[in-house]
PDB file of all heavy atoms in Angstrom:
ATOM      1  N   GLN A   1       4.878  -2.762 -12.407  1.00  0.00           N
ATOM      2  CA  GLN A   1       4.655  -1.331 -12.192  1.00  0.00           C
ATOM      3  C   GLN A   1       3.474  -1.038 -11.265  1.00  0.00           C
ATOM      4  O   GLN A   1       2.953   0.077 -11.265  1.00  0.00           O
ATOM      5  CB  GLN A   1       4.470  -0.604 -13.529  1.00  0.00           C
ATOM      6  CG  GLN A   1       5.693  -0.672 -14.431  1.00  0.00           C
ATOM      7  CD  GLN A   1       5.515   0.066 -15.732  1.00  0.00           C
ATOM      8  OE1 GLN A   1       4.401   0.291 -16.194  1.00  0.00           O
ATOM      9  NE2 GLN A   1       6.621   0.472 -16.347  1.00  0.00           N
ATOM     10  N   HIS A   2       3.051  -2.031 -10.482  1.00  0.00           N
ATOM     11  CA  HIS A   2       1.970  -1.806  -9.523  1.00  0.00           C
ATOM     12  C   HIS A   2       2.361  -2.392  -8.166  1.00  0.00           C
ATOM     13  O   HIS A   2       3.180  -3.312  -8.083  1.00  0.00           O
ATOM     14  CB  HIS A   2       0.668  -2.452  -9.995  1.00  0.00           C
ATOM     15  CG  HIS A   2       0.078  -1.814 -11.209  1.00  0.00           C
ATOM     16  ND1 HIS A   2      -0.438  -0.527 -11.192  1.00  0.00           N
ATOM     17  CD2 HIS A   2      -0.078  -2.270 -12.469  1.00  0.00           C
ATOM     18  CE1 HIS A   2      -0.892  -0.226 -12.396  1.00  0.00           C
ATOM     19  NE2 HIS A   2      -0.680  -1.259 -13.193  1.00  0.00           N
ATOM     20  N   ARG A   3       1.746  -1.880  -7.119  1.00  0.00           N
ATOM     21  CA  ARG A   3       1.992  -2.401  -5.788  1.00  0.00           C
ATOM     22  C   ARG A   3       1.354  -3.780  -5.623  1.00  0.00           C
ATOM     23  O   ARG A   3       0.311  -4.072  -6.211  1.00  0.00           O
ATOM     24  CB  ARG A   3       1.421  -1.445  -4.730  1.00  0.00           C
ATOM     25  CG  ARG A   3       2.048  -0.062  -4.752  1.00  0.00           C
ATOM     26  CD  ARG A   3       1.716   0.716  -3.485  1.00  0.00           C
ATOM     27  NE  ARG A   3       0.311   0.988  -3.328  1.00  0.00           N
ATOM     28  CZ  ARG A   3      -0.303   2.074  -3.777  1.00  0.00           C
ATOM     29  NH1 ARG A   3       0.383   2.982  -4.442  1.00  0.00           N
ATOM     30  NH2 ARG A   3      -1.583   2.264  -3.570  1.00  0.00           N
ATOM     31  N   ASP A   4       1.971  -4.611  -4.781  1.00  0.00           N
ATOM     32  CA  ASP A   4       1.412  -5.923  -4.482  1.00  0.00           C
ATOM     33  C   ASP A   4       0.147  -5.773  -3.644  1.00  0.00           C
ATOM     34  O   ASP A   4      -0.009  -4.814  -2.870  1.00  0.00           O
ATOM     35  CB  ASP A   4       2.409  -6.770  -3.698  1.00  0.00           C
ATOM     36  CG  ASP A   4       3.610  -7.193  -4.532  1.00  0.00           C
ATOM     37  OD1 ASP A   4       3.623  -6.881  -5.741  1.00  0.00           O
ATOM     38  OD2 ASP A   4       4.512  -7.820  -3.967  1.00  0.00           O
ATOM     39  N   VAL A   5      -0.739  -6.748  -3.781  1.00  0.00           N
ATOM     40  CA  VAL A   5      -1.928  -6.828  -2.940  1.00  0.00           C
ATOM     41  C   VAL A   5      -2.027  -8.258  -2.412  1.00  0.00           C
ATOM     42  O   VAL A   5      -1.942  -9.215  -3.185  1.00  0.00           O
ATOM     43  CB  VAL A   5      -3.220  -6.488  -3.710  1.00  0.00           C
ATOM     44  CG1 VAL A   5      -4.421  -6.509  -2.766  1.00  0.00           C
ATOM     45  CG2 VAL A   5      -3.104  -5.134  -4.388  1.00  0.00           C
ATOM     46  N   VAL A   6      -2.168  -8.404  -1.108  1.00  0.00           N
ATOM     47  CA  VAL A   6      -2.344  -9.716  -0.496  1.00  0.00           C
ATOM     48  C   VAL A   6      -3.826  -9.946  -0.215  1.00  0.00           C
ATOM     49  O   VAL A   6      -4.487  -9.094   0.399  1.00  0.00           O
ATOM     50  CB  VAL A   6      -1.543  -9.839   0.817  1.00  0.00           C
ATOM     51  CG1 VAL A   6      -1.878 -11.148   1.540  1.00  0.00           C
ATOM     52  CG2 VAL A   6      -0.046  -9.763   0.534  1.00  0.00           C
ATOM     53  N   PHE A   7      -4.347 -11.068  -0.686  1.00  0.00           N
ATOM     54  CA  PHE A   7      -5.735 -11.454  -0.453  1.00  0.00           C
ATOM     55  C   PHE A   7      -5.763 -12.617   0.532  1.00  0.00           C
ATOM     56  O   PHE A   7      -5.027 -13.592   0.368  1.00  0.00           O
ATOM     57  CB  PHE A   7      -6.408 -11.889  -1.754  1.00  0.00           C
ATOM     58  CG  PHE A   7      -6.679 -10.779  -2.717  1.00  0.00           C
ATOM     59  CD1 PHE A   7      -5.678 -10.304  -3.550  1.00  0.00           C
ATOM     60  CD2 PHE A   7      -7.939 -10.193  -2.793  1.00  0.00           C
ATOM     61  CE1 PHE A   7      -5.918  -9.271  -4.444  1.00  0.00           C
ATOM     62  CE2 PHE A   7      -8.193  -9.159  -3.686  1.00  0.00           C
ATOM     63  CZ  PHE A   7      -7.175  -8.701  -4.509  1.00  0.00           C
ATOM     64  N   LEU A   8      -6.613 -12.512   1.546  1.00  0.00           N
ATOM     65  CA  LEU A   8      -6.837 -13.605   2.479  1.00  0.00           C
ATOM     66  C   LEU A   8      -8.269 -14.101   2.298  1.00  0.00           C
ATOM     67  O   LEU A   8      -9.228 -13.339   2.508  1.00  0.00           O
ATOM     68  CB  LEU A   8      -6.586 -13.150   3.910  1.00  0.00           C
ATOM     69  CG  LEU A   8      -5.112 -12.805   4.189  1.00  0.00           C
ATOM     70  CD1 LEU A   8      -4.980 -12.082   5.519  1.00  0.00           C
ATOM     71  CD2 LEU A   8      -4.251 -14.051   4.180  1.00  0.00           C
ATOM     72  N   PHE A   9      -8.406 -15.356   1.888  1.00  0.00           N
ATOM     73  CA  PHE A   9      -9.705 -15.945   1.585  1.00  0.00           C
ATOM     74  C   PHE A   9     -10.111 -16.906   2.694  1.00  0.00           C
ATOM     75  O   PHE A   9      -9.292 -17.688   3.178  1.00  0.00           O
ATOM     76  CB  PHE A   9      -9.650 -16.716   0.260  1.00  0.00           C
ATOM     77  CG  PHE A   9      -9.229 -15.889  -0.921  1.00  0.00           C
ATOM     78  CD1 PHE A   9      -7.932 -15.962  -1.411  1.00  0.00           C
ATOM     79  CD2 PHE A   9     -10.125 -15.035  -1.537  1.00  0.00           C
ATOM     80  CE1 PHE A   9      -7.530 -15.206  -2.510  1.00  0.00           C
ATOM     81  CE2 PHE A   9      -9.738 -14.262  -2.643  1.00  0.00           C
ATOM     82  CZ  PHE A   9      -8.439 -14.353  -3.124  1.00  0.00           C
ATOM     83  N   ASP A  10     -11.392 -16.847   3.088  1.00  0.00           N
ATOM     84  CA  ASP A  10     -11.922 -17.797   4.055  1.00  0.00           C
ATOM     85  C   ASP A  10     -11.737 -19.213   3.511  1.00  0.00           C
ATOM     86  O   ASP A  10     -12.132 -19.527   2.394  1.00  0.00           O
ATOM     87  CB  ASP A  10     -13.404 -17.513   4.296  1.00  0.00           C
ATOM     88  CG  ASP A  10     -13.973 -18.346   5.424  1.00  0.00           C
ATOM     89  OD1 ASP A  10     -14.004 -19.585   5.292  1.00  0.00           O
ATOM     90  OD2 ASP A  10     -14.423 -17.764   6.427  1.00  0.00           O
ATOM     91  N   LYS A  11     -11.142 -20.083   4.317  1.00  0.00           N
ATOM     92  CA  LYS A  11     -10.806 -21.428   3.862  1.00  0.00           C
ATOM     93  C   LYS A  11     -12.044 -22.252   3.531  1.00  0.00           C
ATOM     94  O   LYS A  11     -11.998 -23.142   2.676  1.00  0.00           O
ATOM     95  CB  LYS A  11      -9.987 -22.142   4.936  1.00  0.00           C
ATOM     96  CG  LYS A  11      -9.270 -23.395   4.465  1.00  0.00           C
ATOM     97  CD  LYS A  11      -8.339 -23.915   5.548  1.00  0.00           C
ATOM     98  CE  LYS A  11      -7.587 -25.145   5.080  1.00  0.00           C
ATOM     99  NZ  LYS A  11      -6.672 -25.652   6.132  1.00  0.00           N
ATOM    100  N   GLU A  12     -13.187 -21.962   4.175  1.00  0.00           N
ATOM    101  CA  GLU A  12     -14.406 -22.746   3.962  1.00  0.00           C
ATOM    102  C   GLU A  12     -15.327 -22.107   2.931  1.00  0.00           C
ATOM    103  O   GLU A  12     -15.807 -22.761   2.020  1.00  0.00           O
ATOM    104  CB  GLU A  12     -15.142 -22.944   5.286  1.00  0.00           C
ATOM    105  CG  GLU A  12     -14.390 -23.817   6.278  1.00  0.00           C
ATOM    106  CD  GLU A  12     -15.216 -24.090   7.528  1.00  0.00           C
ATOM    107  OE1 GLU A  12     -16.393 -23.644   7.580  1.00  0.00           O
ATOM    108  OE2 GLU A  12     -14.689 -24.738   8.449  1.00  0.00           O
ATOM    109  N   THR A  13     -15.592 -20.798   3.076  1.00  0.00           N
ATOM    110  CA  THR A  13     -16.566 -20.145   2.192  1.00  0.00           C
ATOM    111  C   THR A  13     -15.925 -19.545   0.948  1.00  0.00           C
ATOM    112  O   THR A  13     -16.631 -19.222  -0.014  1.00  0.00           O
ATOM    113  CB  THR A  13     -17.286 -19.011   2.936  1.00  0.00           C
ATOM    114  OG1 THR A  13     -16.345 -17.968   3.248  1.00  0.00           O
ATOM    115  CG2 THR A  13     -17.921 -19.522   4.231  1.00  0.00           C
ATOM    116  N   HIS A  14     -14.595 -19.347   0.964  1.00  0.00           N
ATOM    117  CA  HIS A  14     -13.834 -18.742  -0.133  1.00  0.00           C
ATOM    118  C   HIS A  14     -14.063 -17.242  -0.274  1.00  0.00           C
ATOM    119  O   HIS A  14     -13.560 -16.624  -1.217  1.00  0.00           O
ATOM    120  CB  HIS A  14     -14.122 -19.449  -1.467  1.00  0.00           C
ATOM    121  CG  HIS A  14     -14.041 -20.942  -1.389  1.00  0.00           C
ATOM    122  ND1 HIS A  14     -12.873 -21.597  -1.081  1.00  0.00           N
ATOM    123  CD2 HIS A  14     -14.996 -21.902  -1.550  1.00  0.00           C
ATOM    124  CE1 HIS A  14     -13.098 -22.907  -1.077  1.00  0.00           C
ATOM    125  NE2 HIS A  14     -14.367 -23.114  -1.348  1.00  0.00           N
ATOM    126  N   ASP A  15     -14.818 -16.631   0.633  1.00  0.00           N
ATOM    127  CA  ASP A  15     -15.019 -15.184   0.603  1.00  0.00           C
ATOM    128  C   ASP A  15     -13.709 -14.469   0.964  1.00  0.00           C
ATOM    129  O   ASP A  15     -12.898 -14.973   1.748  1.00  0.00           O
ATOM    130  CB  ASP A  15     -16.090 -14.755   1.607  1.00  0.00           C
ATOM    131  CG  ASP A  15     -17.478 -15.218   1.214  1.00  0.00           C
ATOM    132  OD1 ASP A  15     -17.773 -15.242   0.001  1.00  0.00           O
ATOM    133  OD2 ASP A  15     -18.270 -15.558   2.114  1.00  0.00           O
ATOM    134  N   VAL A  16     -13.525 -13.268   0.421  1.00  0.00           N
ATOM    135  CA  VAL A  16     -12.408 -12.428   0.844  1.00  0.00           C
ATOM    136  C   VAL A  16     -12.712 -11.899   2.243  1.00  0.00           C
ATOM    137  O   VAL A  16     -13.764 -11.293   2.461  1.00  0.00           O
ATOM    138  CB  VAL A  16     -12.206 -11.238  -0.113  1.00  0.00           C
ATOM    139  CG1 VAL A  16     -11.037 -10.375   0.359  1.00  0.00           C
ATOM    140  CG2 VAL A  16     -11.947 -11.719  -1.523  1.00  0.00           C
ATOM    141  N   VAL A  17     -11.807 -12.116   3.189  1.00  0.00           N
ATOM    142  CA  VAL A  17     -12.026 -11.591   4.536  1.00  0.00           C
ATOM    143  C   VAL A  17     -11.041 -10.477   4.892  1.00  0.00           C
ATOM    144  O   VAL A  17     -11.264  -9.721   5.833  1.00  0.00           O
ATOM    145  CB  VAL A  17     -11.961 -12.712   5.598  1.00  0.00           C
ATOM    146  CG1 VAL A  17     -13.136 -13.656   5.429  1.00  0.00           C
ATOM    147  CG2 VAL A  17     -10.648 -13.476   5.526  1.00  0.00           C
ATOM    148  N   LYS A  18      -9.960 -10.358   4.111  1.00  0.00           N
ATOM    149  CA  LYS A  18      -8.987  -9.315   4.401  1.00  0.00           C
ATOM    150  C   LYS A  18      -8.107  -9.110   3.178  1.00  0.00           C
ATOM    151  O   LYS A  18      -7.804 -10.044   2.442  1.00  0.00           O
ATOM    152  CB  LYS A  18      -8.109  -9.707   5.602  1.00  0.00           C
ATOM    153  CG  LYS A  18      -7.055  -8.673   5.985  1.00  0.00           C
ATOM    154  CD  LYS A  18      -6.206  -9.183   7.141  1.00  0.00           C
ATOM    155  CE  LYS A  18      -5.100  -8.203   7.499  1.00  0.00           C
ATOM    156  NZ  LYS A  18      -4.218  -8.709   8.587  1.00  0.00           N
ATOM    157  N   THR A  19      -7.691  -7.862   2.941  1.00  0.00           N
ATOM    158  CA  THR A  19      -6.657  -7.568   1.949  1.00  0.00           C
ATOM    159  C   THR A  19      -5.600  -6.688   2.598  1.00  0.00           C
ATOM    160  O   THR A  19      -5.871  -5.970   3.560  1.00  0.00           O
ATOM    161  CB  THR A  19      -7.211  -6.866   0.693  1.00  0.00           C
ATOM    162  OG1 THR A  19      -7.821  -5.627   1.072  1.00  0.00           O
ATOM    163  CG2 THR A  19      -8.213  -7.744  -0.036  1.00  0.00           C
ATOM    164  N   GLU A  20      -4.383  -6.762   2.062  1.00  0.00           N
ATOM    165  CA  GLU A  20      -3.278  -5.963   2.562  1.00  0.00           C
ATOM    166  C   GLU A  20      -2.536  -5.338   1.384  1.00  0.00           C
ATOM    167  O   GLU A  20      -2.310  -5.986   0.364  1.00  0.00           O
ATOM    168  CB  GLU A  20      -2.292  -6.832   3.360  1.00  0.00           C
ATOM    169  CG  GLU A  20      -2.906  -7.557   4.549  1.00  0.00           C
ATOM    170  CD  GLU A  20      -1.915  -8.486   5.227  1.00  0.00           C
ATOM    171  OE1 GLU A  20      -0.731  -8.509   4.788  1.00  0.00           O
ATOM    172  OE2 GLU A  20      -2.301  -9.183   6.166  1.00  0.00           O
ATOM    173  N   THR A  21      -2.162  -4.088   1.529  1.00  0.00           N
ATOM    174  CA  THR A  21      -1.323  -3.419   0.534  1.00  0.00           C
ATOM    175  C   THR A  21      -0.637  -2.248   1.236  1.00  0.00           C
ATOM    176  O   THR A  21      -0.619  -2.178   2.463  1.00  0.00           O
ATOM    177  CB  THR A  21      -2.152  -2.961  -0.685  1.00  0.00           C
ATOM    178  OG1 THR A  21      -1.270  -2.487  -1.708  1.00  0.00           O
ATOM    179  CG2 THR A  21      -3.136  -1.858  -0.318  1.00  0.00           C
ATOM    180  N   LYS A  22      -0.061  -1.341   0.466  1.00  0.00           N
ATOM    181  CA  LYS A  22       0.576  -0.153   1.036  1.00  0.00           C
ATOM    182  C   LYS A  22       0.093   1.083   0.285  1.00  0.00           C
ATOM    183  O   LYS A  22      -0.140   1.030  -0.917  1.00  0.00           O
ATOM    184  CB  LYS A  22       2.106  -0.256   0.959  1.00  0.00           C
ATOM    185  CG  LYS A  22       2.694  -1.318   1.873  1.00  0.00           C
ATOM    186  CD  LYS A  22       4.208  -1.300   1.814  1.00  0.00           C
ATOM    187  CE  LYS A  22       4.795  -2.339   2.759  1.00  0.00           C
ATOM    188  NZ  LYS A  22       4.544  -2.006   4.178  1.00  0.00           N
ATOM    189  N   SER A  23      -0.065   2.174   1.016  1.00  0.00           N
ATOM    190  CA  SER A  23      -0.500   3.420   0.402  1.00  0.00           C
ATOM    191  C   SER A  23      -0.225   4.549   1.377  1.00  0.00           C
ATOM    192  O   SER A  23       0.423   4.362   2.404  1.00  0.00           O
ATOM    193  CB  SER A  23      -1.994   3.345   0.050  1.00  0.00           C
ATOM    194  OG  SER A  23      -2.389   4.493  -0.677  1.00  0.00           O
ATOM    195  N   ARG A  24      -0.741   5.723   1.060  1.00  0.00           N
ATOM    196  CA  ARG A  24      -0.675   6.861   1.985  1.00  0.00           C
ATOM    197  C   ARG A  24      -1.828   7.788   1.666  1.00  0.00           C
ATOM    198  O   ARG A  24      -2.456   7.684   0.604  1.00  0.00           O
ATOM    199  CB  ARG A  24       0.658   7.614   1.862  1.00  0.00           C
ATOM    200  CG  ARG A  24       0.863   8.328   0.560  1.00  0.00           C
ATOM    201  CD  ARG A  24       2.030   9.311   0.650  1.00  0.00           C
ATOM    202  NE  ARG A  24       3.301   8.659   0.767  1.00  0.00           N
ATOM    203  CZ  ARG A  24       4.106   8.399  -0.270  1.00  0.00           C
ATOM    204  NH1 ARG A  24       3.711   8.715  -1.496  1.00  0.00           N
ATOM    205  NH2 ARG A  24       5.266   7.833  -0.106  1.00  0.00           N
ATOM    206  N   GLY A  25      -2.146   8.681   2.591  1.00  0.00           N
ATOM    207  CA  GLY A  25      -3.214   9.630   2.357  1.00  0.00           C
ATOM    208  C   GLY A  25      -2.839  10.632   1.281  1.00  0.00           C
ATOM    209  O   GLY A  25      -1.654  10.896   1.030  1.00  0.00           O
ATOM    210  N   LEU A  26      -3.854  11.200   0.630  1.00  0.00           N
ATOM    211  CA  LEU A  26      -3.613  12.177  -0.421  1.00  0.00           C
ATOM    212  C   LEU A  26      -2.832  13.361   0.143  1.00  0.00           C
ATOM    213  O   LEU A  26      -3.229  13.978   1.129  1.00  0.00           O
ATOM    214  CB  LEU A  26      -4.938  12.653  -0.997  1.00  0.00           C
ATOM    215  CG  LEU A  26      -4.842  13.557  -2.223  1.00  0.00           C
ATOM    216  CD1 LEU A  26      -4.333  12.742  -3.421  1.00  0.00           C
ATOM    217  CD2 LEU A  26      -6.192  14.166  -2.547  1.00  0.00           C
ATOM    218  N   GLY A  27      -1.708  13.655  -0.478  1.00  0.00           N
ATOM    219  CA  GLY A  27      -0.888  14.777  -0.032  1.00  0.00           C
ATOM    220  C   GLY A  27       0.109  14.432   1.049  1.00  0.00           C
ATOM    221  O   GLY A  27       0.969  15.248   1.380  1.00  0.00           O
ATOM    222  N   ASP A  28       0.021  13.213   1.626  1.00  0.00           N
ATOM    223  CA  ASP A  28       0.991  12.808   2.638  1.00  0.00           C
ATOM    224  C   ASP A  28       2.341  12.538   1.984  1.00  0.00           C
ATOM    225  O   ASP A  28       2.435  12.219   0.802  1.00  0.00           O
ATOM    226  CB  ASP A  28       0.524  11.542   3.365  1.00  0.00           C
ATOM    227  CG  ASP A  28      -0.660  11.815   4.269  1.00  0.00           C
ATOM    228  OD1 ASP A  28      -0.980  12.998   4.486  1.00  0.00           O
ATOM    229  OD2 ASP A  28      -1.265  10.842   4.754  1.00  0.00           O
ATOM    230  N   GLU A  29       3.387  12.628   2.776  1.00  0.00           N
ATOM    231  CA  GLU A  29       4.726  12.355   2.295  1.00  0.00           C
ATOM    232  C   GLU A  29       5.364  11.285   3.171  1.00  0.00           C
ATOM    233  O   GLU A  29       4.836  10.912   4.209  1.00  0.00           O
ATOM    234  CB  GLU A  29       5.569  13.635   2.297  1.00  0.00           C
ATOM    235  CG  GLU A  29       5.034  14.731   1.381  1.00  0.00           C
ATOM    236  CD  GLU A  29       5.893  15.974   1.402  1.00  0.00           C
ATOM    237  OE1 GLU A  29       6.851  16.008   2.208  1.00  0.00           O
ATOM    238  OE2 GLU A  29       5.624  16.892   0.619  1.00  0.00           O
ATOM    239  N   GLY A  30       6.521  10.788   2.723  1.00  0.00           N
ATOM    240  CA  GLY A  30       7.226   9.795   3.508  1.00  0.00           C
ATOM    241  C   GLY A  30       6.910   8.382   3.059  1.00  0.00           C
ATOM    242  O   GLY A  30       6.406   8.151   1.962  1.00  0.00           O
ATOM    243  N   GLU A  31       7.221   7.422   3.933  1.00  0.00           N
ATOM    244  CA  GLU A  31       7.049   6.026   3.599  1.00  0.00           C
ATOM    245  C   GLU A  31       5.570   5.660   3.469  1.00  0.00           C
ATOM    246  O   GLU A  31       4.695   6.285   4.073  1.00  0.00           O
ATOM    247  CB  GLU A  31       7.699   5.144   4.673  1.00  0.00           C
ATOM    248  CG  GLU A  31       9.220   5.300   4.759  1.00  0.00           C
ATOM    249  CD  GLU A  31       9.817   4.353   5.771  1.00  0.00           C
ATOM    250  OE1 GLU A  31       9.047   3.576   6.388  1.00  0.00           O
ATOM    251  OE2 GLU A  31      11.043   4.376   5.944  1.00  0.00           O
ATOM    252  N   LEU A  32       5.333   4.615   2.675  1.00  0.00           N
ATOM    253  CA  LEU A  32       3.970   4.120   2.529  1.00  0.00           C
ATOM    254  C   LEU A  32       3.520   3.442   3.818  1.00  0.00           C
ATOM    255  O   LEU A  32       4.316   2.830   4.525  1.00  0.00           O
ATOM    256  CB  LEU A  32       3.896   3.115   1.372  1.00  0.00           C
ATOM    257  CG  LEU A  32       4.240   3.654  -0.022  1.00  0.00           C
ATOM    258  CD1 LEU A  32       4.182   2.517  -1.033  1.00  0.00           C
ATOM    259  CD2 LEU A  32       3.292   4.765  -0.425  1.00  0.00           C
ATOM    260  N   ALA A  33       2.234   3.562   4.109  1.00  0.00           N
ATOM    261  CA  ALA A  33       1.663   2.940   5.301  1.00  0.00           C
ATOM    262  C   ALA A  33       1.098   1.567   4.957  1.00  0.00           C
ATOM    263  O   ALA A  33       0.740   1.294   3.808  1.00  0.00           O
ATOM    264  CB  ALA A  33       0.544   3.821   5.874  1.00  0.00           C
ATOM    265  N   ASN A  34       1.023   0.690   5.950  1.00  0.00           N
ATOM    266  CA  ASN A  34       0.355  -0.590   5.777  1.00  0.00           C
ATOM    267  C   ASN A  34      -1.146  -0.371   5.721  1.00  0.00           C
ATOM    268  O   ASN A  34      -1.720   0.319   6.562  1.00  0.00           O
ATOM    269  CB  ASN A  34       0.686  -1.537   6.930  1.00  0.00           C
ATOM    270  CG  ASN A  34       2.135  -1.951   6.943  1.00  0.00           C
ATOM    271  OD1 ASN A  34       2.741  -2.118   5.895  1.00  0.00           O
ATOM    272  ND2 ASN A  34       2.699  -2.098   8.127  1.00  0.00           N
ATOM    273  N   ILE A  35      -1.792  -0.957   4.718  1.00  0.00           N
ATOM    274  CA  ILE A  35      -3.224  -0.818   4.537  1.00  0.00           C
ATOM    275  C   ILE A  35      -3.846  -2.200   4.677  1.00  0.00           C
ATOM    276  O   ILE A  35      -3.604  -3.083   3.854  1.00  0.00           O
ATOM    277  CB  ILE A  35      -3.564  -0.245   3.147  1.00  0.00           C
ATOM    278  CG1 ILE A  35      -2.849   1.082   2.915  1.00  0.00           C
ATOM    279  CG2 ILE A  35      -5.073  -0.099   2.977  1.00  0.00           C
ATOM    280  CD1 ILE A  35      -3.232   2.182   3.865  1.00  0.00           C
ATOM    281  N   GLU A  36      -4.643  -2.415   5.701  1.00  0.00           N
ATOM    282  CA  GLU A  36      -5.298  -3.697   5.937  1.00  0.00           C
ATOM    283  C   GLU A  36      -6.798  -3.477   5.987  1.00  0.00           C
ATOM    284  O   GLU A  36      -7.290  -2.732   6.836  1.00  0.00           O
ATOM    285  CB  GLU A  36      -4.798  -4.330   7.229  1.00  0.00           C
ATOM    286  CG  GLU A  36      -3.292  -4.570   7.230  1.00  0.00           C
ATOM    287  CD  GLU A  36      -2.801  -5.264   8.483  1.00  0.00           C
ATOM    288  OE1 GLU A  36      -3.640  -5.583   9.344  1.00  0.00           O
ATOM    289  OE2 GLU A  36      -1.582  -5.485   8.604  1.00  0.00           O
ATOM    290  N   SER A  37      -7.524  -4.083   5.076  1.00  0.00           N
ATOM    291  CA  SER A  37      -8.970  -3.892   4.966  1.00  0.00           C
ATOM    292  C   SER A  37      -9.673  -5.198   5.284  1.00  0.00           C
ATOM    293  O   SER A  37      -9.257  -6.270   4.825  1.00  0.00           O
ATOM    294  CB  SER A  37      -9.356  -3.430   3.562  1.00  0.00           C
ATOM    295  OG  SER A  37      -8.711  -2.207   3.266  1.00  0.00           O
ATOM    296  N   TYR A  38     -10.762  -5.114   6.068  1.00  0.00           N
ATOM    297  CA  TYR A  38     -11.494  -6.286   6.518  1.00  0.00           C
ATOM    298  C   TYR A  38     -12.893  -6.280   5.927  1.00  0.00           C
ATOM    299  O   TYR A  38     -13.502  -5.218   5.780  1.00  0.00           O
ATOM    300  CB  TYR A  38     -11.578  -6.305   8.057  1.00  0.00           C
ATOM    301  CG  TYR A  38     -10.231  -6.461   8.710  1.00  0.00           C
ATOM    302  CD1 TYR A  38      -9.358  -5.368   8.840  1.00  0.00           C
ATOM    303  CD2 TYR A  38      -9.815  -7.687   9.212  1.00  0.00           C
ATOM    304  CE1 TYR A  38      -8.112  -5.518   9.438  1.00  0.00           C
ATOM    305  CE2 TYR A  38      -8.575  -7.835   9.799  1.00  0.00           C
ATOM    306  CZ  TYR A  38      -7.722  -6.753   9.922  1.00  0.00           C
ATOM    307  OH  TYR A  38      -6.491  -6.893  10.503  1.00  0.00           O
ATOM    308  N   TYR A  39     -13.421  -7.468   5.631  1.00  0.00           N
ATOM    309  CA  TYR A  39     -14.730  -7.596   4.967  1.00  0.00           C
ATOM    310  C   TYR A  39     -15.588  -8.594   5.732  1.00  0.00           C
ATOM    311  O   TYR A  39     -15.120  -9.626   6.182  1.00  0.00           O
ATOM    312  CB  TYR A  39     -14.551  -8.072   3.519  1.00  0.00           C
ATOM    313  CG  TYR A  39     -13.506  -7.277   2.785  1.00  0.00           C
ATOM    314  CD1 TYR A  39     -12.170  -7.678   2.792  1.00  0.00           C
ATOM    315  CD2 TYR A  39     -13.841  -6.118   2.106  1.00  0.00           C
ATOM    316  CE1 TYR A  39     -11.199  -6.936   2.130  1.00  0.00           C
ATOM    317  CE2 TYR A  39     -12.881  -5.371   1.449  1.00  0.00           C
ATOM    318  CZ  TYR A  39     -11.563  -5.783   1.460  1.00  0.00           C
ATOM    319  OH  TYR A  39     -10.608  -5.045   0.812  1.00  0.00           O
ATOM    320  N   SER A  40     -16.893  -8.256   5.818  1.00  0.00           N
ATOM    321  CA  SER A  40     -17.817  -9.146   6.533  1.00  0.00           C
ATOM    322  C   SER A  40     -19.242  -8.835   6.079  1.00  0.00           C
ATOM    323  O   SER A  40     -19.462  -7.964   5.215  1.00  0.00           O
ATOM    324  CB  SER A  40     -17.700  -8.941   8.043  1.00  0.00           C
ATOM    325  OG  SER A  40     -18.005  -7.599   8.411  1.00  0.00           O
ATOM    326  N   GLU A  41     -20.210  -9.549   6.649  1.00  0.00           N
ATOM    327  CA  GLU A  41     -21.636  -9.330   6.369  1.00  0.00           C
ATOM    328  C   GLU A  41     -21.938  -9.427   4.888  1.00  0.00           C
ATOM    329  O   GLU A  41     -22.592  -8.563   4.296  1.00  0.00           O
ATOM    330  CB  GLU A  41     -22.085  -7.963   6.918  1.00  0.00           C
ATOM    331  CG  GLU A  41     -21.870  -7.819   8.413  1.00  0.00           C
ATOM    332  CD  GLU A  41     -22.260  -6.450   8.924  1.00  0.00           C
ATOM    333  OE1 GLU A  41     -23.051  -5.766   8.234  1.00  0.00           O
ATOM    334  OE2 GLU A  41     -21.784  -6.048   9.992  1.00  0.00           O
TER     335      GLU A  41
END
């Protein structure tokens, strides 16, 4: 009952460097958008 989330982990440091899922803006309609978030520092 929840959307999938893809985690991409740095092969050497094991830190999360990117996640992927689907969503939409509040009040938006239609198909879900691809959501790709990047992490650093």
